[in-house]
Amino acid sequence: MIQKETVHRLIDQLFEIRETFPGKMIPQEAQQHFQKAKKERLLGLQVLIAHSILEIEKDEKKQPKDQQVPQGKKIDIEY
């Protein structure tokens, strides 16, 4: 699995590239590629997040019932 620092560094570098060039200096074709790349980055992050959630759920199922964290508790809020 990719380390968190590696993902953060990649995202930071991509934003730096985008901010380096004003919008009018970037040819239309390049802007289209950057837009597609942005979508792909987000899709990649979506997959990483989904995978991480599945791993957490697997770990939760492996834990004995007495060690599992309670799912939640209803709290009444008064206004």
N, C-alpha and C. Protein backbone atom coordinates (compact mmCIF):
# COMPACT_ATOMS: atom_id res chain seq x y z
N MET A 1 0.84 -1.18 0.00
CA MET A 1 0.00 0.00 0.00
C MET A 1 0.89 1.25 0.00
N ILE A 2 0.45 2.26 -0.69
CA ILE A 2 1.22 3.51 -0.79
C ILE A 2 1.21 4.21 0.57
N GLN A 3 2.37 4.70 0.96
CA GLN A 3 2.45 5.42 2.22
C GLN A 3 1.79 6.79 2.09
N LYS A 4 1.22 7.24 3.19
CA LYS A 4 0.50 8.51 3.22
C LYS A 4 1.39 9.65 2.76
N GLU A 5 2.64 9.67 3.17
CA GLU A 5 3.55 10.76 2.80
C GLU A 5 3.76 10.82 1.30
N THR A 6 3.83 9.66 0.65
CA THR A 6 4.03 9.60 -0.79
C THR A 6 2.83 10.20 -1.51
N VAL A 7 1.63 9.86 -1.08
CA VAL A 7 0.41 10.40 -1.70
C VAL A 7 0.36 11.90 -1.50
N HIS A 8 0.65 12.38 -0.30
CA HIS A 8 0.63 13.82 -0.02
C HIS A 8 1.64 14.56 -0.89
N ARG A 9 2.84 13.99 -1.02
CA ARG A 9 3.88 14.63 -1.82
C ARG A 9 3.47 14.71 -3.29
N LEU A 10 2.86 13.65 -3.82
CA LEU A 10 2.41 13.62 -5.20
C LEU A 10 1.34 14.68 -5.44
N ILE A 11 0.39 14.78 -4.55
CA ILE A 11 -0.67 15.78 -4.69
C ILE A 11 -0.09 17.19 -4.63
N ASP A 12 0.82 17.43 -3.70
CA ASP A 12 1.46 18.74 -3.59
C ASP A 12 2.20 19.11 -4.88
N GLN A 13 2.92 18.15 -5.46
CA GLN A 13 3.67 18.42 -6.68
C GLN A 13 2.74 18.74 -7.84
N LEU A 14 1.63 18.04 -7.93
CA LEU A 14 0.68 18.31 -9.01
C LEU A 14 0.08 19.71 -8.89
N PHE A 15 -0.25 20.13 -7.66
CA PHE A 15 -0.78 21.46 -7.48
C PHE A 15 0.28 22.53 -7.78
N GLU A 16 1.54 22.26 -7.45
CA GLU A 16 2.61 23.21 -7.76
C GLU A 16 2.75 23.41 -9.26
N ILE A 17 2.67 22.32 -10.02
CA ILE A 17 2.78 22.42 -11.48
C ILE A 17 1.64 23.27 -12.02
N ARG A 18 0.46 23.03 -11.53
CA ARG A 18 -0.71 23.77 -12.01
C ARG A 18 -0.62 25.25 -11.66
N GLU A 19 -0.12 25.58 -10.47
CA GLU A 19 -0.04 26.97 -10.03
C GLU A 19 1.14 27.72 -10.66
N THR A 20 2.11 26.99 -11.18
CA THR A 20 3.29 27.60 -11.77
C THR A 20 2.95 28.38 -13.04
N PHE A 21 2.00 27.87 -13.80
CA PHE A 21 1.66 28.48 -15.08
C PHE A 21 0.28 29.14 -15.01
N PRO A 22 0.20 30.42 -15.34
CA PRO A 22 -1.12 31.06 -15.43
C PRO A 22 -1.96 30.36 -16.50
N GLY A 23 -3.28 30.38 -16.33
CA GLY A 23 -4.19 29.68 -17.24
C GLY A 23 -3.98 29.97 -18.71
N LYS A 24 -3.69 31.22 -19.07
CA LYS A 24 -3.56 31.58 -20.48
C LYS A 24 -2.27 31.07 -21.10
N MET A 25 -1.28 30.75 -20.28
CA MET A 25 0.00 30.26 -20.81
C MET A 25 -0.09 28.78 -21.17
N ILE A 26 -1.07 28.10 -20.63
CA ILE A 26 -1.19 26.66 -20.87
C ILE A 26 -2.06 26.44 -22.10
N PRO A 27 -1.56 25.76 -23.11
CA PRO A 27 -2.36 25.48 -24.30
C PRO A 27 -3.62 24.67 -23.95
N GLN A 28 -4.65 24.82 -24.74
CA GLN A 28 -5.93 24.16 -24.50
C GLN A 28 -5.75 22.64 -24.39
N GLU A 29 -4.94 22.07 -25.25
CA GLU A 29 -4.73 20.62 -25.23
C GLU A 29 -4.10 20.18 -23.91
N ALA A 30 -3.14 20.97 -23.43
CA ALA A 30 -2.51 20.64 -22.15
C ALA A 30 -3.53 20.76 -21.01
N GLN A 31 -4.38 21.79 -21.07
CA GLN A 31 -5.41 21.95 -20.03
C GLN A 31 -6.33 20.74 -20.00
N GLN A 32 -6.67 20.21 -21.17
CA GLN A 32 -7.52 19.03 -21.23
C GLN A 32 -6.83 17.83 -20.57
N HIS A 33 -5.53 17.69 -20.83
CA HIS A 33 -4.79 16.59 -20.22
C HIS A 33 -4.73 16.76 -18.70
N PHE A 34 -4.50 17.99 -18.25
CA PHE A 34 -4.45 18.24 -16.81
C PHE A 34 -5.80 17.96 -16.16
N GLN A 35 -6.88 18.31 -16.84
CA GLN A 35 -8.21 18.06 -16.30
C GLN A 35 -8.45 16.55 -16.19
N LYS A 36 -8.08 15.82 -17.23
CA LYS A 36 -8.22 14.35 -17.18
C LYS A 36 -7.34 13.76 -16.10
N ALA A 37 -6.13 14.31 -15.95
CA ALA A 37 -5.22 13.82 -14.92
C ALA A 37 -5.80 14.09 -13.54
N LYS A 38 -6.43 15.25 -13.37
CA LYS A 38 -7.05 15.57 -12.08
C LYS A 38 -8.13 14.54 -11.75
N LYS A 39 -8.95 14.22 -12.75
CA LYS A 39 -10.00 13.23 -12.54
C LYS A 39 -9.38 11.88 -12.17
N GLU A 40 -8.32 11.48 -12.86
CA GLU A 40 -7.67 10.21 -12.58
C GLU A 40 -7.06 10.18 -11.18
N ARG A 41 -6.47 11.31 -10.77
CA ARG A 41 -5.93 11.39 -9.40
C ARG A 41 -7.03 11.16 -8.39
N LEU A 42 -8.15 11.83 -8.60
CA LEU A 42 -9.27 11.70 -7.67
C LEU A 42 -9.83 10.29 -7.67
N LEU A 43 -9.92 9.67 -8.86
CA LEU A 43 -10.38 8.29 -8.92
C LEU A 43 -9.40 7.36 -8.20
N GLY A 44 -8.12 7.63 -8.37
CA GLY A 44 -7.11 6.84 -7.67
C GLY A 44 -7.25 6.96 -6.15
N LEU A 45 -7.46 8.20 -5.70
CA LEU A 45 -7.66 8.41 -4.26
C LEU A 45 -8.93 7.72 -3.78
N GLN A 46 -9.96 7.74 -4.61
CA GLN A 46 -11.21 7.08 -4.25
C GLN A 46 -10.98 5.58 -4.04
N VAL A 47 -10.21 4.97 -4.92
CA VAL A 47 -9.90 3.55 -4.80
C VAL A 47 -9.08 3.29 -3.53
N LEU A 48 -8.09 4.15 -3.27
CA LEU A 48 -7.28 3.98 -2.06
C LEU A 48 -8.14 4.07 -0.80
N ILE A 49 -9.05 5.02 -0.77
CA ILE A 49 -9.93 5.19 0.39
C ILE A 49 -10.83 3.97 0.54
N ALA A 50 -11.44 3.52 -0.56
CA ALA A 50 -12.32 2.35 -0.50
C ALA A 50 -11.56 1.12 -0.01
N HIS A 51 -10.33 0.96 -0.51
CA HIS A 51 -9.51 -0.17 -0.09
C HIS A 51 -9.19 -0.09 1.41
N SER A 52 -8.86 1.10 1.86
CA SER A 52 -8.55 1.29 3.29
C SER A 52 -9.76 0.97 4.16
N ILE A 53 -10.94 1.38 3.71
CA ILE A 53 -12.17 1.08 4.46
C ILE A 53 -12.39 -0.43 4.52
N LEU A 54 -12.20 -1.12 3.41
CA LEU A 54 -12.36 -2.57 3.41
C LEU A 54 -11.38 -3.25 4.35
N GLU A 55 -10.15 -2.76 4.39
CA GLU A 55 -9.15 -3.33 5.30
C GLU A 55 -9.57 -3.13 6.75
N ILE A 56 -10.09 -1.96 7.07
CA ILE A 56 -10.56 -1.70 8.43
C ILE A 56 -11.71 -2.63 8.77
N GLU A 57 -12.64 -2.81 7.83
CA GLU A 57 -13.77 -3.70 8.07
C GLU A 57 -13.32 -5.14 8.26
N LYS A 58 -12.31 -5.59 7.50
CA LYS A 58 -11.78 -6.94 7.69
C LYS A 58 -11.20 -7.10 9.09
N ASP A 59 -10.43 -6.08 9.52
CA ASP A 59 -9.83 -6.12 10.84
C ASP A 59 -10.90 -6.15 11.93
N GLU A 60 -11.98 -5.39 11.73
CA GLU A 60 -13.06 -5.36 12.71
C GLU A 60 -13.72 -6.73 12.84
N LYS A 61 -13.88 -7.42 11.72
CA LYS A 61 -14.52 -8.74 11.74
C LYS A 61 -13.63 -9.78 12.43
N LYS A 62 -12.32 -9.57 12.38
CA LYS A 62 -11.38 -10.51 13.00
C LYS A 62 -11.34 -10.36 14.52
N GLN A 63 -11.71 -9.17 15.03
CA GLN A 63 -11.64 -8.92 16.47
C GLN A 63 -12.74 -9.70 17.19
N PRO A 64 -12.42 -10.22 18.38
CA PRO A 64 -13.46 -10.83 19.19
C PRO A 64 -14.52 -9.79 19.55
N LYS A 65 -15.76 -10.23 19.73
CA LYS A 65 -16.87 -9.32 20.00
C LYS A 65 -16.60 -8.40 21.19
N ASP A 66 -15.95 -8.91 22.24
CA ASP A 66 -15.73 -8.10 23.45
C ASP A 66 -14.68 -7.00 23.24
N GLN A 67 -13.90 -7.07 22.15
CA GLN A 67 -12.88 -6.04 21.88
C GLN A 67 -13.31 -5.05 20.81
N GLN A 68 -14.46 -5.28 20.19
CA GLN A 68 -14.91 -4.39 19.12
C GLN A 68 -15.40 -3.08 19.70
N VAL A 69 -15.16 -2.02 18.96
CA VAL A 69 -15.61 -0.69 19.35
C VAL A 69 -17.11 -0.61 19.09
N PRO A 70 -17.88 -0.09 20.05
CA PRO A 70 -19.31 0.01 19.83
C PRO A 70 -19.61 0.88 18.60
N GLN A 71 -20.67 0.53 17.87
CA GLN A 71 -21.01 1.21 16.62
C GLN A 71 -21.46 2.65 16.83
N GLY A 72 -22.06 2.92 17.92
CA GLY A 72 -22.53 4.28 18.15
C GLY A 72 -23.62 4.28 19.20
N LYS A 73 -23.93 5.44 19.65
CA LYS A 73 -24.91 5.58 20.71
C LYS A 73 -25.72 6.83 20.41
N LYS A 74 -27.02 6.73 20.59
CA LYS A 74 -27.90 7.86 20.33
C LYS A 74 -27.74 8.87 21.46
N ILE A 75 -27.56 10.13 21.07
CA ILE A 75 -27.42 11.21 22.04
C ILE A 75 -28.54 12.20 21.79
N ASP A 76 -29.34 12.46 22.79
CA ASP A 76 -30.40 13.45 22.68
C ASP A 76 -29.81 14.84 22.82
N ILE A 77 -30.21 15.72 21.91
CA ILE A 77 -29.73 17.11 21.94
C ILE A 77 -30.90 18.02 22.18
N GLU A 78 -30.77 18.88 23.17
CA GLU A 78 -31.83 19.84 23.47
C GLU A 78 -31.44 21.18 22.91
N TYR A 79 -32.42 21.89 22.37
CA TYR A 79 -32.18 23.22 21.81
C TYR A 79 -32.63 24.28 22.76
